[in-house]
Amino acid sequence: MDFIIGFAVWLVIGLVGAFVTRAVVHGPATTTLMTMAFGIFGSFIGGMLGTSAHIFHDPVPLRVGGLIGAVLGAVVFTFIYHFAARRAV
């Protein structure tokens, strides 16, 4: 049950991170759906990297490293997407 709750938290973190990044850095050719997709993707990648240090002990997604990784991943991936879309236009 901890894994399902942890992944749901990562999903929410990804959506919040995507909307915050979209509000701060808005590219002219960016869509809300792509912003959400990159936020969720970044959150899951960052969360997995954050829990990878504990893989042999207790790989629960709700660890502090997983949550920090999810926040950083969501913001960084969405920022890179918006930065690249702004430069492309």
PDB file of N, CA and C in Angstrom:
ATOM      1  N   MET A   1       0.814  -1.196   0.000  1.00  0.00           N
ATOM      2  CA  MET A   1       0.000   0.000   0.000  1.00  0.00           C
ATOM      3  C   MET A   1       0.860   1.264   0.000  1.00  0.00           C
ATOM      4  N   ASP A   2       2.051   1.183   0.615  1.00  0.00           N
ATOM      5  CA  ASP A   2       2.938   2.348   0.648  1.00  0.00           C
ATOM      6  C   ASP A   2       3.381   2.750  -0.754  1.00  0.00           C
ATOM      7  N   PHE A   3       3.548   1.755  -1.636  1.00  0.00           N
ATOM      8  CA  PHE A   3       3.986   2.068  -2.990  1.00  0.00           C
ATOM      9  C   PHE A   3       2.908   2.820  -3.760  1.00  0.00           C
ATOM     10  N   ILE A   4       1.668   2.417  -3.607  1.00  0.00           N
ATOM     11  CA  ILE A   4       0.573   3.084  -4.318  1.00  0.00           C
ATOM     12  C   ILE A   4       0.397   4.516  -3.817  1.00  0.00           C
ATOM     13  N   ILE A   5       0.452   4.705  -2.528  1.00  0.00           N
ATOM     14  CA  ILE A   5       0.343   6.049  -1.967  1.00  0.00           C
ATOM     15  C   ILE A   5       1.537   6.898  -2.387  1.00  0.00           C
ATOM     16  N   GLY A   6       2.735   6.309  -2.368  1.00  0.00           N
ATOM     17  CA  GLY A   6       3.931   7.038  -2.778  1.00  0.00           C
ATOM     18  C   GLY A   6       3.883   7.472  -4.231  1.00  0.00           C
ATOM     19  N   PHE A   7       3.419   6.578  -5.115  1.00  0.00           N
ATOM     20  CA  PHE A   7       3.314   6.946  -6.523  1.00  0.00           C
ATOM     21  C   PHE A   7       2.228   7.990  -6.750  1.00  0.00           C
ATOM     22  N   ALA A   8       1.150   7.926  -5.970  1.00  0.00           N
ATOM     23  CA  ALA A   8       0.112   8.952  -6.067  1.00  0.00           C
ATOM     24  C   ALA A   8       0.648  10.308  -5.615  1.00  0.00           C
ATOM     25  N   VAL A   9       1.463  10.308  -4.576  1.00  0.00           N
ATOM     26  CA  VAL A   9       2.078  11.556  -4.110  1.00  0.00           C
ATOM     27  C   VAL A   9       3.017  12.097  -5.178  1.00  0.00           C
ATOM     28  N   TRP A  10       3.786  11.218  -5.820  1.00  0.00           N
ATOM     29  CA  TRP A  10       4.668  11.663  -6.906  1.00  0.00           C
ATOM     30  C   TRP A  10       3.862  12.251  -8.056  1.00  0.00           C
ATOM     31  N   LEU A  11       2.708  11.657  -8.359  1.00  0.00           N
ATOM     32  CA  LEU A  11       1.852  12.168  -9.418  1.00  0.00           C
ATOM     33  C   LEU A  11       1.369  13.577  -9.081  1.00  0.00           C
ATOM     34  N   VAL A  12       0.936  13.785  -7.862  1.00  0.00           N
ATOM     35  CA  VAL A  12       0.474  15.120  -7.433  1.00  0.00           C
ATOM     36  C   VAL A  12       1.629  16.115  -7.445  1.00  0.00           C
ATOM     37  N   ILE A  13       2.800  15.682  -6.981  1.00  0.00           N
ATOM     38  CA  ILE A  13       3.970  16.567  -6.999  1.00  0.00           C
ATOM     39  C   ILE A  13       4.311  16.957  -8.430  1.00  0.00           C
ATOM     40  N   GLY A  14       4.231  16.008  -9.353  1.00  0.00           N
ATOM     41  CA  GLY A  14       4.510  16.302 -10.757  1.00  0.00           C
ATOM     42  C   GLY A  14       3.536  17.307 -11.345  1.00  0.00           C
ATOM     43  N   LEU A  15       2.255  17.173 -11.023  1.00  0.00           N
ATOM     44  CA  LEU A  15       1.264  18.119 -11.542  1.00  0.00           C
ATOM     45  C   LEU A  15       1.444  19.508 -10.943  1.00  0.00           C
ATOM     46  N   VAL A  16       1.682  19.570  -9.651  1.00  0.00           N
ATOM     47  CA  VAL A  16       1.899  20.876  -9.001  1.00  0.00           C
ATOM     48  C   VAL A  16       3.170  21.528  -9.534  1.00  0.00           C
ATOM     49  N   GLY A  17       4.243  20.737  -9.651  1.00  0.00           N
ATOM     50  CA  GLY A  17       5.496  21.278 -10.192  1.00  0.00           C
ATOM     51  C   GLY A  17       5.334  21.777 -11.617  1.00  0.00           C
ATOM     52  N   ALA A  18       4.534  21.075 -12.409  1.00  0.00           N
ATOM     53  CA  ALA A  18       4.302  21.501 -13.795  1.00  0.00           C
ATOM     54  C   ALA A  18       3.538  22.817 -13.848  1.00  0.00           C
ATOM     55  N   PHE A  19       2.520  22.956 -13.029  1.00  0.00           N
ATOM     56  CA  PHE A  19       1.742  24.193 -13.052  1.00  0.00           C
ATOM     57  C   PHE A  19       2.534  25.373 -12.498  1.00  0.00           C
ATOM     58  N   VAL A  20       3.356  25.137 -11.493  1.00  0.00           N
ATOM     59  CA  VAL A  20       4.188  26.223 -10.953  1.00  0.00           C
ATOM     60  C   VAL A  20       5.216  26.658 -11.995  1.00  0.00           C
ATOM     61  N   THR A  21       5.843  25.691 -12.635  1.00  0.00           N
ATOM     62  CA  THR A  21       6.839  26.040 -13.649  1.00  0.00           C
ATOM     63  C   THR A  21       6.182  26.719 -14.839  1.00  0.00           C
ATOM     64  N   ARG A  22       4.981  26.285 -15.207  1.00  0.00           N
ATOM     65  CA  ARG A  22       4.269  26.923 -16.323  1.00  0.00           C
ATOM     66  C   ARG A  22       3.913  28.369 -15.992  1.00  0.00           C
ATOM     67  N   ALA A  23       3.594  28.627 -14.740  1.00  0.00           N
ATOM     68  CA  ALA A  23       3.255  29.996 -14.350  1.00  0.00           C
ATOM     69  C   ALA A  23       4.486  30.893 -14.347  1.00  0.00           C
ATOM     70  N   VAL A  24       5.637  30.338 -13.999  1.00  0.00           N
ATOM     71  CA  VAL A  24       6.857  31.143 -13.920  1.00  0.00           C
ATOM     72  C   VAL A  24       7.498  31.310 -15.290  1.00  0.00           C
ATOM     73  N   VAL A  25       7.655  30.204 -16.023  1.00  0.00           N
ATOM     74  CA  VAL A  25       8.328  30.217 -17.322  1.00  0.00           C
ATOM     75  C   VAL A  25       7.326  29.734 -18.354  1.00  0.00           C
ATOM     76  N   HIS A  26       6.706  30.649 -19.064  1.00  0.00           N
ATOM     77  CA  HIS A  26       5.686  30.269 -20.033  1.00  0.00           C
ATOM     78  C   HIS A  26       6.204  30.489 -21.445  1.00  0.00           C
ATOM     79  N   GLY A  27       6.365  29.386 -22.171  1.00  0.00           N
ATOM     80  CA  GLY A  27       6.775  29.480 -23.570  1.00  0.00           C
ATOM     81  C   GLY A  27       5.553  29.671 -24.452  1.00  0.00           C
ATOM     82  N   PRO A  28       5.708  30.337 -25.598  1.00  0.00           N
ATOM     83  CA  PRO A  28       4.550  30.618 -26.447  1.00  0.00           C
ATOM     84  C   PRO A  28       3.957  29.377 -27.111  1.00  0.00           C
ATOM     85  N   ALA A  29       4.751  28.350 -27.362  1.00  0.00           N
ATOM     86  CA  ALA A  29       4.260  27.170 -28.071  1.00  0.00           C
ATOM     87  C   ALA A  29       4.019  25.989 -27.138  1.00  0.00           C
ATOM     88  N   THR A  30       3.920  26.221 -25.848  1.00  0.00           N
ATOM     89  CA  THR A  30       3.738  25.120 -24.903  1.00  0.00           C
ATOM     90  C   THR A  30       2.255  24.878 -24.651  1.00  0.00           C
ATOM     91  N   THR A  31       1.920  23.617 -24.466  1.00  0.00           N
ATOM     92  CA  THR A  31       0.538  23.263 -24.166  1.00  0.00           C
ATOM     93  C   THR A  31       0.449  22.749 -22.735  1.00  0.00           C
ATOM     94  N   THR A  32      -0.726  22.821 -22.180  1.00  0.00           N
ATOM     95  CA  THR A  32      -0.932  22.372 -20.803  1.00  0.00           C
ATOM     96  C   THR A  32      -0.728  20.864 -20.690  1.00  0.00           C
ATOM     97  N   LEU A  33      -1.178  20.111 -21.679  1.00  0.00           N
ATOM     98  CA  LEU A  33      -1.041  18.654 -21.649  1.00  0.00           C
ATOM     99  C   LEU A  33       0.427  18.232 -21.666  1.00  0.00           C
ATOM    100  N   MET A  34       1.222  18.875 -22.502  1.00  0.00           N
ATOM    101  CA  MET A  34       2.651  18.537 -22.551  1.00  0.00           C
ATOM    102  C   MET A  34       3.355  18.960 -21.265  1.00  0.00           C
ATOM    103  N   THR A  35       2.962  20.081 -20.709  1.00  0.00           N
ATOM    104  CA  THR A  35       3.541  20.522 -19.445  1.00  0.00           C
ATOM    105  C   THR A  35       3.245  19.520 -18.340  1.00  0.00           C
ATOM    106  N   MET A  36       2.012  19.037 -18.273  1.00  0.00           N
ATOM    107  CA  MET A  36       1.655  18.043 -17.266  1.00  0.00           C
ATOM    108  C   MET A  36       2.409  16.738 -17.495  1.00  0.00           C
ATOM    109  N   ALA A  37       2.538  16.326 -18.747  1.00  0.00           N
ATOM    110  CA  ALA A  37       3.244  15.083 -19.053  1.00  0.00           C
ATOM    111  C   ALA A  37       4.708  15.168 -18.623  1.00  0.00           C
ATOM    112  N   PHE A  38       5.363  16.273 -18.927  1.00  0.00           N
ATOM    113  CA  PHE A  38       6.763  16.426 -18.526  1.00  0.00           C
ATOM    114  C   PHE A  38       6.904  16.554 -17.016  1.00  0.00           C
ATOM    115  N   GLY A  39       5.961  17.170 -16.353  1.00  0.00           N
ATOM    116  CA  GLY A  39       5.999  17.261 -14.899  1.00  0.00           C
ATOM    117  C   GLY A  39       5.868  15.892 -14.245  1.00  0.00           C
ATOM    118  N   ILE A  40       4.926  15.078 -14.723  1.00  0.00           N
ATOM    119  CA  ILE A  40       4.750  13.736 -14.178  1.00  0.00           C
ATOM    120  C   ILE A  40       5.954  12.868 -14.479  1.00  0.00           C
ATOM    121  N   PHE A  41       6.455  12.938 -15.706  1.00  0.00           N
ATOM    122  CA  PHE A  41       7.634  12.163 -16.091  1.00  0.00           C
ATOM    123  C   PHE A  41       8.836  12.539 -15.233  1.00  0.00           C
ATOM    124  N   GLY A  42       9.066  13.821 -15.068  1.00  0.00           N
ATOM    125  CA  GLY A  42      10.178  14.286 -14.243  1.00  0.00           C
ATOM    126  C   GLY A  42      10.031  13.891 -12.794  1.00  0.00           C
ATOM    127  N   SER A  43       8.811  13.921 -12.303  1.00  0.00           N
ATOM    128  CA  SER A  43       8.564  13.533 -10.925  1.00  0.00           C
ATOM    129  C   SER A  43       8.883  12.059 -10.696  1.00  0.00           C
ATOM    130  N   PHE A  44       8.482  11.210 -11.612  1.00  0.00           N
ATOM    131  CA  PHE A  44       8.753   9.789 -11.456  1.00  0.00           C
ATOM    132  C   PHE A  44      10.239   9.475 -11.619  1.00  0.00           C
ATOM    133  N   ILE A  45      10.897  10.106 -12.568  1.00  0.00           N
ATOM    134  CA  ILE A  45      12.340   9.879 -12.741  1.00  0.00           C
ATOM    135  C   ILE A  45      13.099  10.395 -11.521  1.00  0.00           C
ATOM    136  N   GLY A  46      12.806  11.592 -11.076  1.00  0.00           N
ATOM    137  CA  GLY A  46      13.464  12.154  -9.900  1.00  0.00           C
ATOM    138  C   GLY A  46      13.181  11.358  -8.637  1.00  0.00           C
ATOM    139  N   GLY A  47      11.947  10.902  -8.487  1.00  0.00           N
ATOM    140  CA  GLY A  47      11.593  10.094  -7.330  1.00  0.00           C
ATOM    141  C   GLY A  47      12.318   8.760  -7.309  1.00  0.00           C
ATOM    142  N   MET A  48      12.428   8.140  -8.475  1.00  0.00           N
ATOM    143  CA  MET A  48      13.162   6.869  -8.548  1.00  0.00           C
ATOM    144  C   MET A  48      14.647   7.068  -8.267  1.00  0.00           C
ATOM    145  N   LEU A  49      15.208   8.140  -8.777  1.00  0.00           N
ATOM    146  CA  LEU A  49      16.613   8.428  -8.478  1.00  0.00           C
ATOM    147  C   LEU A  49      16.811   8.765  -7.006  1.00  0.00           C
ATOM    148  N   GLY A  50      15.834   9.404  -6.407  1.00  0.00           N
ATOM    149  CA  GLY A  50      15.924   9.753  -4.989  1.00  0.00           C
ATOM    150  C   GLY A  50      15.843   8.546  -4.076  1.00  0.00           C
ATOM    151  N   THR A  51      15.111   7.511  -4.477  1.00  0.00           N
ATOM    152  CA  THR A  51      15.004   6.303  -3.655  1.00  0.00           C
ATOM    153  C   THR A  51      16.041   5.260  -4.023  1.00  0.00           C
ATOM    154  N   SER A  52      16.823   5.492  -5.053  1.00  0.00           N
ATOM    155  CA  SER A  52      17.781   4.469  -5.498  1.00  0.00           C
ATOM    156  C   SER A  52      18.883   4.218  -4.479  1.00  0.00           C
ATOM    157  N   ALA A  53      19.168   5.159  -3.615  1.00  0.00           N
ATOM    158  CA  ALA A  53      20.200   4.936  -2.591  1.00  0.00           C
ATOM    159  C   ALA A  53      19.717   3.960  -1.522  1.00  0.00           C
ATOM    160  N   HIS A  54      18.413   3.794  -1.405  1.00  0.00           N
ATOM    161  CA  HIS A  54      17.846   2.919  -0.379  1.00  0.00           C
ATOM    162  C   HIS A  54      17.285   1.632  -0.975  1.00  0.00           C
ATOM    163  N   ILE A  55      17.706   1.264  -2.170  1.00  0.00           N
ATOM    164  CA  ILE A  55      17.098   0.149  -2.874  1.00  0.00           C
ATOM    165  C   ILE A  55      17.283  -1.178  -2.143  1.00  0.00           C
ATOM    166  N   PHE A  56      18.370  -1.344  -1.419  1.00  0.00           N
ATOM    167  CA  PHE A  56      18.589  -2.606  -0.725  1.00  0.00           C
ATOM    168  C   PHE A  56      18.028  -2.597   0.693  1.00  0.00           C
ATOM    169  N   HIS A  57      17.673  -1.440   1.196  1.00  0.00           N
ATOM    170  CA  HIS A  57      17.172  -1.359   2.565  1.00  0.00           C
ATOM    171  C   HIS A  57      15.648  -1.338   2.580  1.00  0.00           C
ATOM    172  N   ASP A  58      15.062  -0.287   2.088  1.00  0.00           N
ATOM    173  CA  ASP A  58      13.614  -0.149   2.103  1.00  0.00           C
ATOM    174  C   ASP A  58      13.214   0.847   1.011  1.00  0.00           C
ATOM    175  N   PRO A  59      12.945   0.394  -0.204  1.00  0.00           N
ATOM    176  CA  PRO A  59      12.684   1.322  -1.314  1.00  0.00           C
ATOM    177  C   PRO A  59      11.252   1.863  -1.339  1.00  0.00           C
ATOM    178  N   VAL A  60      10.839   2.517  -0.296  1.00  0.00           N
ATOM    179  CA  VAL A  60       9.495   3.092  -0.233  1.00  0.00           C
ATOM    180  C   VAL A  60       9.518   4.473  -0.883  1.00  0.00           C
ATOM    181  N   PRO A  61       8.560   4.773  -1.768  1.00  0.00           N
ATOM    182  CA  PRO A  61       8.548   6.068  -2.457  1.00  0.00           C
ATOM    183  C   PRO A  61       8.343   7.273  -1.543  1.00  0.00           C
ATOM    184  N   LEU A  62       7.871   7.064  -0.323  1.00  0.00           N
ATOM    185  CA  LEU A  62       7.601   8.199   0.563  1.00  0.00           C
ATOM    186  C   LEU A  62       8.804   8.607   1.399  1.00  0.00           C
ATOM    187  N   ARG A  63       9.982   8.118   1.104  1.00  0.00           N
ATOM    188  CA  ARG A  63      11.182   8.560   1.811  1.00  0.00           C
ATOM    189  C   ARG A  63      11.497  10.000   1.424  1.00  0.00           C
ATOM    190  N   VAL A  64      12.261  10.657   2.249  1.00  0.00           N
ATOM    191  CA  VAL A  64      12.598  12.067   2.016  1.00  0.00           C
ATOM    192  C   VAL A  64      13.348  12.232   0.693  1.00  0.00           C
ATOM    193  N   GLY A  65      14.272  11.333   0.406  1.00  0.00           N
ATOM    194  CA  GLY A  65      15.023  11.417  -0.849  1.00  0.00           C
ATOM    195  C   GLY A  65      14.130  11.276  -2.066  1.00  0.00           C
ATOM    196  N   GLY A  66      13.146  10.390  -1.978  1.00  0.00           N
ATOM    197  CA  GLY A  66      12.218  10.220  -3.090  1.00  0.00           C
ATOM    198  C   GLY A  66      11.342  11.437  -3.313  1.00  0.00           C
ATOM    199  N   LEU A  67      10.913  12.055  -2.235  1.00  0.00           N
ATOM    200  CA  LEU A  67      10.073  13.248  -2.363  1.00  0.00           C
ATOM    201  C   LEU A  67      10.868  14.443  -2.888  1.00  0.00           C
ATOM    202  N   ILE A  68      12.084  14.606  -2.390  1.00  0.00           N
ATOM    203  CA  ILE A  68      12.937  15.694  -2.892  1.00  0.00           C
ATOM    204  C   ILE A  68      13.272  15.464  -4.360  1.00  0.00           C
ATOM    205  N   GLY A  69      13.590  14.231  -4.700  1.00  0.00           N
ATOM    206  CA  GLY A  69      13.876  13.907  -6.099  1.00  0.00           C
ATOM    207  C   GLY A  69      12.675  14.141  -6.999  1.00  0.00           C
ATOM    208  N   ALA A  70      11.473  13.834  -6.499  1.00  0.00           N
ATOM    209  CA  ALA A  70      10.268  14.053  -7.293  1.00  0.00           C
ATOM    210  C   ALA A  70      10.034  15.541  -7.545  1.00  0.00           C
ATOM    211  N   VAL A  71      10.228  16.352  -6.536  1.00  0.00           N
ATOM    212  CA  VAL A  71      10.046  17.800  -6.702  1.00  0.00           C
ATOM    213  C   VAL A  71      11.079  18.361  -7.683  1.00  0.00           C
ATOM    214  N   LEU A  72      12.338  18.016  -7.475  1.00  0.00           N
ATOM    215  CA  LEU A  72      13.388  18.520  -8.370  1.00  0.00           C
ATOM    216  C   LEU A  72      13.212  18.013  -9.789  1.00  0.00           C
ATOM    217  N   GLY A  73      12.862  16.746  -9.941  1.00  0.00           N
ATOM    218  CA  GLY A  73      12.665  16.187 -11.276  1.00  0.00           C
ATOM    219  C   GLY A  73      11.522  16.862 -12.012  1.00  0.00           C
ATOM    220  N   ALA A  74      10.406  17.088 -11.325  1.00  0.00           N
ATOM    221  CA  ALA A  74       9.261  17.729 -11.973  1.00  0.00           C
ATOM    222  C   ALA A  74       9.600  19.142 -12.418  1.00  0.00           C
ATOM    223  N   VAL A  75      10.234  19.893 -11.561  1.00  0.00           N
ATOM    224  CA  VAL A  75      10.556  21.283 -11.902  1.00  0.00           C
ATOM    225  C   VAL A  75      11.621  21.355 -12.996  1.00  0.00           C
ATOM    226  N   VAL A  76      12.649  20.528 -12.891  1.00  0.00           N
ATOM    227  CA  VAL A  76      13.745  20.582 -13.869  1.00  0.00           C
ATOM    228  C   VAL A  76      13.278  20.126 -15.246  1.00  0.00           C
ATOM    229  N   PHE A  77      12.567  19.008 -15.335  1.00  0.00           N
ATOM    230  CA  PHE A  77      12.115  18.531 -16.641  1.00  0.00           C
ATOM    231  C   PHE A  77      11.143  19.507 -17.282  1.00  0.00           C
ATOM    232  N   THR A  78      10.231  20.073 -16.509  1.00  0.00           N
ATOM    233  CA  THR A  78       9.280  21.031 -17.071  1.00  0.00           C
ATOM    234  C   THR A  78       9.980  22.321 -17.477  1.00  0.00           C
ATOM    235  N   PHE A  79      10.949  22.758 -16.676  1.00  0.00           N
ATOM    236  CA  PHE A  79      11.704  23.966 -17.030  1.00  0.00           C
ATOM    237  C   PHE A  79      12.479  23.750 -18.325  1.00  0.00           C
ATOM    238  N   ILE A  80      13.110  22.598 -18.475  1.00  0.00           N
ATOM    239  CA  ILE A  80      13.857  22.307 -19.709  1.00  0.00           C
ATOM    240  C   ILE A  80      12.919  22.302 -20.911  1.00  0.00           C
ATOM    241  N   TYR A  81      11.732  21.722 -20.737  1.00  0.00           N
ATOM    242  CA  TYR A  81      10.756  21.713 -21.834  1.00  0.00           C
ATOM    243  C   TYR A  81      10.342  23.131 -22.215  1.00  0.00           C
ATOM    244  N   HIS A  82      10.028  23.956 -21.240  1.00  0.00           N
ATOM    245  CA  HIS A  82       9.612  25.327 -21.537  1.00  0.00           C
ATOM    246  C   HIS A  82      10.759  26.148 -22.105  1.00  0.00           C
ATOM    247  N   PHE A  83      11.962  25.940 -21.608  1.00  0.00           N
ATOM    248  CA  PHE A  83      13.122  26.673 -22.126  1.00  0.00           C
ATOM    249  C   PHE A  83      13.385  26.305 -23.581  1.00  0.00           C
ATOM    250  N   ALA A  84      13.309  25.010 -23.897  1.00  0.00           N
ATOM    251  CA  ALA A  84      13.542  24.562 -25.273  1.00  0.00           C
ATOM    252  C   ALA A  84      12.425  25.039 -26.196  1.00  0.00           C
ATOM    253  N   ALA A  85      11.177  25.023 -25.731  1.00  0.00           N
ATOM    254  CA  ALA A  85      10.068  25.473 -26.578  1.00  0.00           C
ATOM    255  C   ALA A  85      10.137  26.968 -26.813  1.00  0.00           C
ATOM    256  N   ARG A  86      10.589  27.705 -25.832  1.00  0.00           N
ATOM    257  CA  ARG A  86      10.705  29.158 -26.014  1.00  0.00           C
ATOM    258  C   ARG A  86      11.812  29.486 -26.995  1.00  0.00           C
ATOM    259  N   ARG A  87      12.915  28.731 -26.964  1.00  0.00           N
ATOM    260  CA  ARG A  87      14.020  28.963 -27.895  1.00  0.00           C
ATOM    261  C   ARG A  87      13.691  28.525 -29.325  1.00  0.00           C
ATOM    262  N   ALA A  88      12.805  27.519 -29.454  1.00  0.00           N
ATOM    263  CA  ALA A  88      12.490  26.985 -30.783  1.00  0.00           C
ATOM    264  C   ALA A  88      11.628  27.927 -31.603  1.00  0.00           C
ATOM    265  N   VAL A  89      10.863  28.763 -30.933  1.00  0.00           N
ATOM    266  CA  VAL A  89       9.935  29.646 -31.671  1.00  0.00           C
ATOM    267  C   VAL A  89      10.614  30.909 -32.052  1.00  0.00           C
TER     268      VAL A  89
END
